[in-house]
Amino acid sequence: MNLYHASGIEVAVALAIVKTLVLVVGGIITYFAFKAYRRTRQRALGYLATGFGIVTLGFVLAGLVYEILNVSLETGVLIESLLVLIGFGIIAYSLYAQ
């Protein structure tokens, strides 16, 4: 199947599958980072878990606000990008913090 000629439904299904996988894998990473934080009580790991959680939420949220809240796709992508930026900022801080 050529993606340039795929129907909108096929692309929507593929996007839903990918976003679901991002949610699952991001959730697993967030869970293990949080579990490590609870075991060690190191603030940096808490920030790391929070950052991964926000990034995961950002990746998933764009499609949800578009479908459920009926906002424009551009607004959904903007919300996604802002959350990913915030999450990556927190992750970067977690690597810097001691």
PDB file of N, CA and C in Angstrom:
ATOM      1  N   MET A   1       0.835  -1.167   0.000  1.00  0.00           N
ATOM      2  CA  MET A   1       0.000   0.000   0.000  1.00  0.00           C
ATOM      3  C   MET A   1       0.886   1.239   0.000  1.00  0.00           C
ATOM      4  N   ASN A   2       0.608   2.143  -0.872  1.00  0.00           N
ATOM      5  CA  ASN A   2       1.329   3.390  -0.957  1.00  0.00           C
ATOM      6  C   ASN A   2       0.650   4.399  -0.038  1.00  0.00           C
ATOM      7  N   LEU A   3       1.382   4.959   0.908  1.00  0.00           N
ATOM      8  CA  LEU A   3       0.786   5.889   1.861  1.00  0.00           C
ATOM      9  C   LEU A   3       0.273   7.151   1.192  1.00  0.00           C
ATOM     10  N   TYR A   4       0.849   7.506   0.065  1.00  0.00           N
ATOM     11  CA  TYR A   4       0.386   8.704  -0.628  1.00  0.00           C
ATOM     12  C   TYR A   4      -0.989   8.499  -1.245  1.00  0.00           C
ATOM     13  N   HIS A   5      -1.386   7.268  -1.457  1.00  0.00           N
ATOM     14  CA  HIS A   5      -2.679   6.966  -2.044  1.00  0.00           C
ATOM     15  C   HIS A   5      -3.619   6.260  -1.082  1.00  0.00           C
ATOM     16  N   ALA A   6      -3.252   6.213   0.184  1.00  0.00           N
ATOM     17  CA  ALA A   6      -4.089   5.548   1.176  1.00  0.00           C
ATOM     18  C   ALA A   6      -5.330   6.386   1.433  1.00  0.00           C
ATOM     19  N   SER A   7      -6.424   5.712   1.675  1.00  0.00           N
ATOM     20  CA  SER A   7      -7.646   6.442   1.975  1.00  0.00           C
ATOM     21  C   SER A   7      -7.535   7.079   3.349  1.00  0.00           C
ATOM     22  N   GLY A   8      -8.374   8.074   3.604  1.00  0.00           N
ATOM     23  CA  GLY A   8      -8.366   8.757   4.891  1.00  0.00           C
ATOM     24  C   GLY A   8      -8.655   7.823   6.042  1.00  0.00           C
ATOM     25  N   ILE A   9      -9.493   6.822   5.799  1.00  0.00           N
ATOM     26  CA  ILE A   9      -9.838   5.867   6.856  1.00  0.00           C
ATOM     27  C   ILE A   9      -8.627   5.027   7.226  1.00  0.00           C
ATOM     28  N   GLU A  10      -7.869   4.572   6.234  1.00  0.00           N
ATOM     29  CA  GLU A  10      -6.683   3.764   6.513  1.00  0.00           C
ATOM     30  C   GLU A  10      -5.649   4.570   7.300  1.00  0.00           C
ATOM     31  N   VAL A  11      -5.479   5.813   6.938  1.00  0.00           N
ATOM     32  CA  VAL A  11      -4.532   6.661   7.651  1.00  0.00           C
ATOM     33  C   VAL A  11      -5.032   6.912   9.071  1.00  0.00           C
ATOM     34  N   ALA A  12      -6.321   7.143   9.241  1.00  0.00           N
ATOM     35  CA  ALA A  12      -6.880   7.376  10.575  1.00  0.00           C
ATOM     36  C   ALA A  12      -6.700   6.153  11.467  1.00  0.00           C
ATOM     37  N   VAL A  13      -6.902   4.970  10.911  1.00  0.00           N
ATOM     38  CA  VAL A  13      -6.714   3.738  11.686  1.00  0.00           C
ATOM     39  C   VAL A  13      -5.244   3.569  12.055  1.00  0.00           C
ATOM     40  N   ALA A  14      -4.359   3.798  11.102  1.00  0.00           N
ATOM     41  CA  ALA A  14      -2.924   3.686  11.375  1.00  0.00           C
ATOM     42  C   ALA A  14      -2.506   4.693  12.444  1.00  0.00           C
ATOM     43  N   LEU A  15      -3.025   5.911  12.361  1.00  0.00           N
ATOM     44  CA  LEU A  15      -2.696   6.927  13.351  1.00  0.00           C
ATOM     45  C   LEU A  15      -3.206   6.535  14.736  1.00  0.00           C
ATOM     46  N   ALA A  16      -4.405   5.989  14.798  1.00  0.00           N
ATOM     47  CA  ALA A  16      -4.961   5.547  16.080  1.00  0.00           C
ATOM     48  C   ALA A  16      -4.114   4.431  16.681  1.00  0.00           C
ATOM     49  N   ILE A  17      -3.646   3.515  15.845  1.00  0.00           N
ATOM     50  CA  ILE A  17      -2.801   2.415  16.328  1.00  0.00           C
ATOM     51  C   ILE A  17      -1.475   2.954  16.859  1.00  0.00           C
ATOM     52  N   VAL A  18      -0.862   3.857  16.102  1.00  0.00           N
ATOM     53  CA  VAL A  18       0.427   4.416  16.521  1.00  0.00           C
ATOM     54  C   VAL A  18       0.275   5.217  17.812  1.00  0.00           C
ATOM     55  N   LYS A  19      -0.763   6.041  17.902  1.00  0.00           N
ATOM     56  CA  LYS A  19      -0.983   6.833  19.115  1.00  0.00           C
ATOM     57  C   LYS A  19      -1.239   5.928  20.323  1.00  0.00           C
ATOM     58  N   THR A  20      -1.950   4.830  20.104  1.00  0.00           N
ATOM     59  CA  THR A  20      -2.192   3.873  21.184  1.00  0.00           C
ATOM     60  C   THR A  20      -0.885   3.244  21.645  1.00  0.00           C
ATOM     61  N   LEU A  21      -0.035   2.870  20.702  1.00  0.00           N
ATOM     62  CA  LEU A  21       1.266   2.300  21.051  1.00  0.00           C
ATOM     63  C   LEU A  21       2.137   3.316  21.780  1.00  0.00           C
ATOM     64  N   VAL A  22       2.082   4.585  21.360  1.00  0.00           N
ATOM     65  CA  VAL A  22       2.824   5.639  22.053  1.00  0.00           C
ATOM     66  C   VAL A  22       2.327   5.757  23.491  1.00  0.00           C
ATOM     67  N   LEU A  23       1.005   5.694  23.669  1.00  0.00           N
ATOM     68  CA  LEU A  23       0.434   5.761  25.018  1.00  0.00           C
ATOM     69  C   LEU A  23       0.896   4.589  25.875  1.00  0.00           C
ATOM     70  N   VAL A  24       0.903   3.390  25.315  1.00  0.00           N
ATOM     71  CA  VAL A  24       1.306   2.201  26.070  1.00  0.00           C
ATOM     72  C   VAL A  24       2.794   2.260  26.426  1.00  0.00           C
ATOM     73  N   VAL A  25       3.642   2.514  25.441  1.00  0.00           N
ATOM     74  CA  VAL A  25       5.086   2.532  25.689  1.00  0.00           C
ATOM     75  C   VAL A  25       5.455   3.717  26.591  1.00  0.00           C
ATOM     76  N   GLY A  26       4.880   4.892  26.322  1.00  0.00           N
ATOM     77  CA  GLY A  26       5.137   6.049  27.177  1.00  0.00           C
ATOM     78  C   GLY A  26       4.655   5.811  28.591  1.00  0.00           C
ATOM     79  N   GLY A  27       3.518   5.142  28.729  1.00  0.00           N
ATOM     80  CA  GLY A  27       3.004   4.811  30.054  1.00  0.00           C
ATOM     81  C   GLY A  27       3.919   3.856  30.794  1.00  0.00           C
ATOM     82  N   ILE A  28       4.467   2.900  30.082  1.00  0.00           N
ATOM     83  CA  ILE A  28       5.401   1.944  30.700  1.00  0.00           C
ATOM     84  C   ILE A  28       6.665   2.665  31.171  1.00  0.00           C
ATOM     85  N   ILE A  29       7.204   3.539  30.318  1.00  0.00           N
ATOM     86  CA  ILE A  29       8.408   4.295  30.695  1.00  0.00           C
ATOM     87  C   ILE A  29       8.117   5.170  31.913  1.00  0.00           C
ATOM     88  N   THR A  30       6.963   5.847  31.892  1.00  0.00           N
ATOM     89  CA  THR A  30       6.582   6.699  33.019  1.00  0.00           C
ATOM     90  C   THR A  30       6.423   5.874  34.288  1.00  0.00           C
ATOM     91  N   TYR A  31       5.791   4.715  34.169  1.00  0.00           N
ATOM     92  CA  TYR A  31       5.588   3.834  35.324  1.00  0.00           C
ATOM     93  C   TYR A  31       6.921   3.419  35.936  1.00  0.00           C
ATOM     94  N   PHE A  32       7.856   2.967  35.104  1.00  0.00           N
ATOM     95  CA  PHE A  32       9.135   2.512  35.637  1.00  0.00           C
ATOM     96  C   PHE A  32       9.955   3.671  36.214  1.00  0.00           C
ATOM     97  N   ALA A  33       9.870   4.835  35.599  1.00  0.00           N
ATOM     98  CA  ALA A  33      10.575   5.993  36.159  1.00  0.00           C
ATOM     99  C   ALA A  33       9.964   6.377  37.506  1.00  0.00           C
ATOM    100  N   PHE A  34       8.634   6.331  37.603  1.00  0.00           N
ATOM    101  CA  PHE A  34       7.982   6.649  38.875  1.00  0.00           C
ATOM    102  C   PHE A  34       8.294   5.600  39.934  1.00  0.00           C
ATOM    103  N   LYS A  35       8.322   4.340  39.515  1.00  0.00           N
ATOM    104  CA  LYS A  35       8.661   3.259  40.442  1.00  0.00           C
ATOM    105  C   LYS A  35      10.085   3.434  40.976  1.00  0.00           C
ATOM    106  N   ALA A  36      11.007   3.835  40.106  1.00  0.00           N
ATOM    107  CA  ALA A  36      12.383   4.087  40.538  1.00  0.00           C
ATOM    108  C   ALA A  36      12.431   5.271  41.494  1.00  0.00           C
ATOM    109  N   TYR A  37      11.607   6.289  41.226  1.00  0.00           N
ATOM    110  CA  TYR A  37      11.552   7.438  42.133  1.00  0.00           C
ATOM    111  C   TYR A  37      11.051   7.016  43.515  1.00  0.00           C
ATOM    112  N   ARG A  38       9.995   6.218  43.550  1.00  0.00           N
ATOM    113  CA  ARG A  38       9.439   5.781  44.837  1.00  0.00           C
ATOM    114  C   ARG A  38      10.431   4.925  45.624  1.00  0.00           C
ATOM    115  N   ARG A  39      11.223   4.146  44.897  1.00  0.00           N
ATOM    116  CA  ARG A  39      12.206   3.277  45.558  1.00  0.00           C
ATOM    117  C   ARG A  39      13.368   4.089  46.117  1.00  0.00           C
ATOM    118  N   THR A  40      13.830   5.091  45.359  1.00  0.00           N
ATOM    119  CA  THR A  40      15.035   5.824  45.746  1.00  0.00           C
ATOM    120  C   THR A  40      14.753   7.193  46.354  1.00  0.00           C
ATOM    121  N   ARG A  41      13.570   7.735  46.093  1.00  0.00           N
ATOM    122  CA  ARG A  41      13.188   9.088  46.536  1.00  0.00           C
ATOM    123  C   ARG A  41      14.136  10.168  46.010  1.00  0.00           C
ATOM    124  N   GLN A  42      14.756   9.907  44.869  1.00  0.00           N
ATOM    125  CA  GLN A  42      15.609  10.915  44.241  1.00  0.00           C
ATOM    126  C   GLN A  42      14.722  11.849  43.410  1.00  0.00           C
ATOM    127  N   ARG A  43      14.816  13.143  43.707  1.00  0.00           N
ATOM    128  CA  ARG A  43      13.969  14.121  43.020  1.00  0.00           C
ATOM    129  C   ARG A  43      14.138  14.076  41.511  1.00  0.00           C
ATOM    130  N   ALA A  44      15.364  13.829  41.051  1.00  0.00           N
ATOM    131  CA  ALA A  44      15.615  13.805  39.614  1.00  0.00           C
ATOM    132  C   ALA A  44      14.757  12.734  38.928  1.00  0.00           C
ATOM    133  N   LEU A  45      14.599  11.587  39.570  1.00  0.00           N
ATOM    134  CA  LEU A  45      13.763  10.534  38.991  1.00  0.00           C
ATOM    135  C   LEU A  45      12.290  10.922  39.010  1.00  0.00           C
ATOM    136  N   GLY A  46      11.880  11.679  40.008  1.00  0.00           N
ATOM    137  CA  GLY A  46      10.518  12.191  40.036  1.00  0.00           C
ATOM    138  C   GLY A  46      10.266  13.141  38.880  1.00  0.00           C
ATOM    139  N   TYR A  47      11.229  14.022  38.628  1.00  0.00           N
ATOM    140  CA  TYR A  47      11.119  14.923  37.471  1.00  0.00           C
ATOM    141  C   TYR A  47      11.116  14.139  36.161  1.00  0.00           C
ATOM    142  N   LEU A  48      11.955  13.125  36.091  1.00  0.00           N
ATOM    143  CA  LEU A  48      12.010  12.304  34.887  1.00  0.00           C
ATOM    144  C   LEU A  48      10.658  11.642  34.616  1.00  0.00           C
ATOM    145  N   ALA A  49      10.067  11.071  35.636  1.00  0.00           N
ATOM    146  CA  ALA A  49       8.757  10.433  35.488  1.00  0.00           C
ATOM    147  C   ALA A  49       7.701  11.451  35.072  1.00  0.00           C
ATOM    148  N   THR A  50       7.721  12.615  35.690  1.00  0.00           N
ATOM    149  CA  THR A  50       6.768  13.667  35.336  1.00  0.00           C
ATOM    150  C   THR A  50       6.956  14.105  33.886  1.00  0.00           C
ATOM    151  N   GLY A  51       8.192  14.295  33.490  1.00  0.00           N
ATOM    152  CA  GLY A  51       8.479  14.706  32.110  1.00  0.00           C
ATOM    153  C   GLY A  51       7.989  13.696  31.096  1.00  0.00           C
ATOM    154  N   PHE A  52       8.275  12.429  31.331  1.00  0.00           N
ATOM    155  CA  PHE A  52       7.804  11.394  30.403  1.00  0.00           C
ATOM    156  C   PHE A  52       6.283  11.313  30.392  1.00  0.00           C
ATOM    157  N   GLY A  53       5.661  11.504  31.543  1.00  0.00           N
ATOM    158  CA  GLY A  53       4.208  11.497  31.591  1.00  0.00           C
ATOM    159  C   GLY A  53       3.607  12.626  30.771  1.00  0.00           C
ATOM    160  N   ILE A  54       4.188  13.813  30.875  1.00  0.00           N
ATOM    161  CA  ILE A  54       3.682  14.962  30.124  1.00  0.00           C
ATOM    162  C   ILE A  54       3.926  14.786  28.630  1.00  0.00           C
ATOM    163  N   VAL A  55       5.097  14.282  28.247  1.00  0.00           N
ATOM    164  CA  VAL A  55       5.370  14.026  26.824  1.00  0.00           C
ATOM    165  C   VAL A  55       4.370  13.014  26.269  1.00  0.00           C
ATOM    166  N   THR A  56       4.145  11.946  27.002  1.00  0.00           N
ATOM    167  CA  THR A  56       3.185  10.925  26.565  1.00  0.00           C
ATOM    168  C   THR A  56       1.799  11.524  26.433  1.00  0.00           C
ATOM    169  N   LEU A  57       1.388  12.283  27.419  1.00  0.00           N
ATOM    170  CA  LEU A  57       0.083  12.948  27.360  1.00  0.00           C
ATOM    171  C   LEU A  57       0.000  13.866  26.143  1.00  0.00           C
ATOM    172  N   GLY A  58       1.060  14.599  25.888  1.00  0.00           N
ATOM    173  CA  GLY A  58       1.081  15.504  24.737  1.00  0.00           C
ATOM    174  C   GLY A  58       0.909  14.775  23.426  1.00  0.00           C
ATOM    175  N   PHE A  59       1.592  13.662  23.248  1.00  0.00           N
ATOM    176  CA  PHE A  59       1.486  12.905  22.003  1.00  0.00           C
ATOM    177  C   PHE A  59       0.080  12.374  21.780  1.00  0.00           C
ATOM    178  N   VAL A  60      -0.594  12.029  22.841  1.00  0.00           N
ATOM    179  CA  VAL A  60      -1.920  11.422  22.723  1.00  0.00           C
ATOM    180  C   VAL A  60      -3.025  12.478  22.680  1.00  0.00           C
ATOM    181  N   LEU A  61      -2.800  13.590  23.332  1.00  0.00           N
ATOM    182  CA  LEU A  61      -3.854  14.576  23.517  1.00  0.00           C
ATOM    183  C   LEU A  61      -4.308  15.256  22.225  1.00  0.00           C
ATOM    184  N   ALA A  62      -3.416  15.451  21.268  1.00  0.00           N
ATOM    185  CA  ALA A  62      -3.779  16.172  20.047  1.00  0.00           C
ATOM    186  C   ALA A  62      -4.957  15.520  19.345  1.00  0.00           C
ATOM    187  N   GLY A  63      -4.906  14.234  19.173  1.00  0.00           N
ATOM    188  CA  GLY A  63      -5.999  13.536  18.512  1.00  0.00           C
ATOM    189  C   GLY A  63      -7.268  13.536  19.340  1.00  0.00           C
ATOM    190  N   LEU A  64      -7.119  13.443  20.647  1.00  0.00           N
ATOM    191  CA  LEU A  64      -8.293  13.420  21.516  1.00  0.00           C
ATOM    192  C   LEU A  64      -9.046  14.746  21.492  1.00  0.00           C
ATOM    193  N   VAL A  65      -8.326  15.857  21.592  1.00  0.00           N
ATOM    194  CA  VAL A  65      -9.026  17.143  21.586  1.00  0.00           C
ATOM    195  C   VAL A  65      -9.649  17.423  20.225  1.00  0.00           C
ATOM    196  N   TYR A  66      -9.013  16.936  19.177  1.00  0.00           N
ATOM    197  CA  TYR A  66      -9.569  17.095  17.834  1.00  0.00           C
ATOM    198  C   TYR A  66     -10.868  16.297  17.692  1.00  0.00           C
ATOM    199  N   GLU A  67     -10.855  15.051  18.143  1.00  0.00           N
ATOM    200  CA  GLU A  67     -12.017  14.178  17.988  1.00  0.00           C
ATOM    201  C   GLU A  67     -13.121  14.465  19.009  1.00  0.00           C
ATOM    202  N   ILE A  68     -12.754  14.657  20.261  1.00  0.00           N
ATOM    203  CA  ILE A  68     -13.752  14.764  21.328  1.00  0.00           C
ATOM    204  C   ILE A  68     -14.228  16.195  21.536  1.00  0.00           C
ATOM    205  N   LEU A  69     -13.300  17.141  21.587  1.00  0.00           N
ATOM    206  CA  LEU A  69     -13.672  18.522  21.864  1.00  0.00           C
ATOM    207  C   LEU A  69     -13.954  19.323  20.599  1.00  0.00           C
ATOM    208  N   ASN A  70     -13.737  18.696  19.444  1.00  0.00           N
ATOM    209  CA  ASN A  70     -14.056  19.313  18.150  1.00  0.00           C
ATOM    210  C   ASN A  70     -13.288  20.617  17.904  1.00  0.00           C
ATOM    211  N   VAL A  71     -12.029  20.659  18.363  1.00  0.00           N
ATOM    212  CA  VAL A  71     -11.186  21.810  18.058  1.00  0.00           C
ATOM    213  C   VAL A  71     -10.479  21.543  16.735  1.00  0.00           C
ATOM    214  N   SER A  72      -9.891  22.582  16.161  1.00  0.00           N
ATOM    215  CA  SER A  72      -9.204  22.405  14.887  1.00  0.00           C
ATOM    216  C   SER A  72      -7.979  21.509  15.075  1.00  0.00           C
ATOM    217  N   LEU A  73      -7.588  20.862  14.004  1.00  0.00           N
ATOM    218  CA  LEU A  73      -6.414  19.992  14.061  1.00  0.00           C
ATOM    219  C   LEU A  73      -5.178  20.806  14.414  1.00  0.00           C
ATOM    220  N   GLU A  74      -5.090  22.020  13.883  1.00  0.00           N
ATOM    221  CA  GLU A  74      -3.939  22.876  14.178  1.00  0.00           C
ATOM    222  C   GLU A  74      -3.847  23.187  15.673  1.00  0.00           C
ATOM    223  N   THR A  75      -4.994  23.456  16.310  1.00  0.00           N
ATOM    224  CA  THR A  75      -5.010  23.728  17.744  1.00  0.00           C
ATOM    225  C   THR A  75      -4.590  22.478  18.521  1.00  0.00           C
ATOM    226  N   GLY A  76      -5.061  21.316  18.089  1.00  0.00           N
ATOM    227  CA  GLY A  76      -4.659  20.061  18.731  1.00  0.00           C
ATOM    228  C   GLY A  76      -3.174  19.827  18.635  1.00  0.00           C
ATOM    229  N   VAL A  77      -2.610  20.096  17.464  1.00  0.00           N
ATOM    230  CA  VAL A  77      -1.171  19.915  17.275  1.00  0.00           C
ATOM    231  C   VAL A  77      -0.394  20.933  18.106  1.00  0.00           C
ATOM    232  N   LEU A  78      -0.915  22.154  18.220  1.00  0.00           N
ATOM    233  CA  LEU A  78      -0.262  23.166  19.056  1.00  0.00           C
ATOM    234  C   LEU A  78      -0.249  22.727  20.521  1.00  0.00           C
ATOM    235  N   ILE A  79      -1.377  22.225  21.011  1.00  0.00           N
ATOM    236  CA  ILE A  79      -1.436  21.728  22.391  1.00  0.00           C
ATOM    237  C   ILE A  79      -0.454  20.585  22.581  1.00  0.00           C
ATOM    238  N   GLU A  80      -0.429  19.652  21.621  1.00  0.00           N
ATOM    239  CA  GLU A  80       0.520  18.535  21.678  1.00  0.00           C
ATOM    240  C   GLU A  80       1.949  19.046  21.752  1.00  0.00           C
ATOM    241  N   SER A  81       2.291  19.974  20.883  1.00  0.00           N
ATOM    242  CA  SER A  81       3.660  20.486  20.823  1.00  0.00           C
ATOM    243  C   SER A  81       4.056  21.199  22.104  1.00  0.00           C
ATOM    244  N   LEU A  82       3.132  21.967  22.677  1.00  0.00           N
ATOM    245  CA  LEU A  82       3.431  22.660  23.932  1.00  0.00           C
ATOM    246  C   LEU A  82       3.673  21.663  25.068  1.00  0.00           C
ATOM    247  N   LEU A  83       2.840  20.635  25.159  1.00  0.00           N
ATOM    248  CA  LEU A  83       3.036  19.630  26.207  1.00  0.00           C
ATOM    249  C   LEU A  83       4.332  18.860  26.016  1.00  0.00           C
ATOM    250  N   VAL A  84       4.654  18.525  24.787  1.00  0.00           N
ATOM    251  CA  VAL A  84       5.915  17.818  24.516  1.00  0.00           C
ATOM    252  C   VAL A  84       7.099  18.714  24.874  1.00  0.00           C
ATOM    253  N   LEU A  85       7.014  19.997  24.534  1.00  0.00           N
ATOM    254  CA  LEU A  85       8.082  20.933  24.882  1.00  0.00           C
ATOM    255  C   LEU A  85       8.251  21.025  26.397  1.00  0.00           C
ATOM    256  N   ILE A  86       7.150  21.166  27.114  1.00  0.00           N
ATOM    257  CA  ILE A  86       7.210  21.233  28.579  1.00  0.00           C
ATOM    258  C   ILE A  86       7.791  19.933  29.147  1.00  0.00           C
ATOM    259  N   GLY A  87       7.313  18.802  28.644  1.00  0.00           N
ATOM    260  CA  GLY A  87       7.812  17.507  29.111  1.00  0.00           C
ATOM    261  C   GLY A  87       9.298  17.336  28.867  1.00  0.00           C
ATOM    262  N   PHE A  88       9.748  17.707  27.666  1.00  0.00           N
ATOM    263  CA  PHE A  88      11.178  17.596  27.373  1.00  0.00           C
ATOM    264  C   PHE A  88      11.988  18.552  28.245  1.00  0.00           C
ATOM    265  N   GLY A  89      11.431  19.723  28.542  1.00  0.00           N
ATOM    266  CA  GLY A  89      12.116  20.652  29.443  1.00  0.00           C
ATOM    267  C   GLY A  89      12.286  20.049  30.821  1.00  0.00           C
ATOM    268  N   ILE A  90      11.248  19.382  31.311  1.00  0.00           N
ATOM    269  CA  ILE A  90      11.315  18.735  32.634  1.00  0.00           C
ATOM    270  C   ILE A  90      12.304  17.569  32.607  1.00  0.00           C
ATOM    271  N   ILE A  91      12.298  16.797  31.511  1.00  0.00           N
ATOM    272  CA  ILE A  91      13.260  15.697  31.380  1.00  0.00           C
ATOM    273  C   ILE A  91      14.698  16.253  31.378  1.00  0.00           C
ATOM    274  N   ALA A  92      14.919  17.316  30.622  1.00  0.00           N
ATOM    275  CA  ALA A  92      16.261  17.925  30.587  1.00  0.00           C
ATOM    276  C   ALA A  92      16.658  18.392  31.982  1.00  0.00           C
ATOM    277  N   TYR A  93      15.728  19.007  32.706  1.00  0.00           N
ATOM    278  CA  TYR A  93      16.030  19.450  34.061  1.00  0.00           C
ATOM    279  C   TYR A  93      16.341  18.261  34.965  1.00  0.00           C
ATOM    280  N   SER A  94      15.608  17.158  34.781  1.00  0.00           N
ATOM    281  CA  SER A  94      15.850  15.988  35.615  1.00  0.00           C
ATOM    282  C   SER A  94      17.260  15.440  35.406  1.00  0.00           C
ATOM    283  N   LEU A  95      17.788  15.572  34.221  1.00  0.00           N
ATOM    284  CA  LEU A  95      19.145  15.107  33.946  1.00  0.00           C
ATOM    285  C   LEU A  95      20.188  16.051  34.505  1.00  0.00           C
ATOM    286  N   TYR A  96      19.798  17.306  34.692  1.00  0.00           N
ATOM    287  CA  TYR A  96      20.689  18.316  35.246  1.00  0.00           C
ATOM    288  C   TYR A  96      20.650  18.329  36.768  1.00  0.00           C
ATOM    289  N   ALA A  97      19.446  18.102  37.325  1.00  0.00           N
ATOM    290  CA  ALA A  97      19.263  18.180  38.782  1.00  0.00           C
ATOM    291  C   ALA A  97      20.031  17.083  39.499  1.00  0.00           C
ATOM    292  N   GLN A  98      20.411  17.383  40.722  1.00  0.00           N
ATOM    293  CA  GLN A  98      21.162  16.396  41.491  1.00  0.00           C
ATOM    294  C   GLN A  98      20.365  15.921  42.680  1.00  0.00           C
TER     295      GLN A  98
END
